[in-house]
């Protein structure tokens, strides 16, 4: 029956494979998680994220028009588009986390203390990640002799390496405290 459905209409032009299906499932799960967490966003977060998303969509459309016109976007444009995507995802996650903290707090004083703790954590580890990423990029650029290879490697694999180093540090810290 499912094979018969694929032979009709628009479905006959789409080739389904396991990789494509897995991407669709991951996107649908992610969309469900985001939509279920949007209720925790404050009005200010919703407005700021909407403005950021609108600006990002405009920029992505502008470089896509250049790309579709036959001229490839420059690497700097792709880097900025990736940065906008990261800012959208990070802003959404931060807004949701702050909303959940506010929702679970018993009062404004507890919310302020928890928010301060969160921002200090992000400032500390964000700074460490920025230094790690910059040093990693420069080392990879130096070793490969290419200017942009360090940026690409650190964007693709840098977070995994940082997470591994972070886990090792926490295990070492806990082991040392015992």
Foldseek 3Di string as FASTA:
>chain_A
DVVVVCVDDPNVVDDDDPVVVVVVVVVVVVVVVLVVLPVLFDPVLVVVLVVLVVVLVVLVVVQVVCVVVVHHDDPVSVVVSVVSVVCSVVSSVVRSVLSVLVVPDPDPVSSVVVVVVVVVVCVVVVVVLVVQLVVQLVVVCVVVVHNCPSVVCCVVCVVVVSVVVVVVVVVVVVVVVD
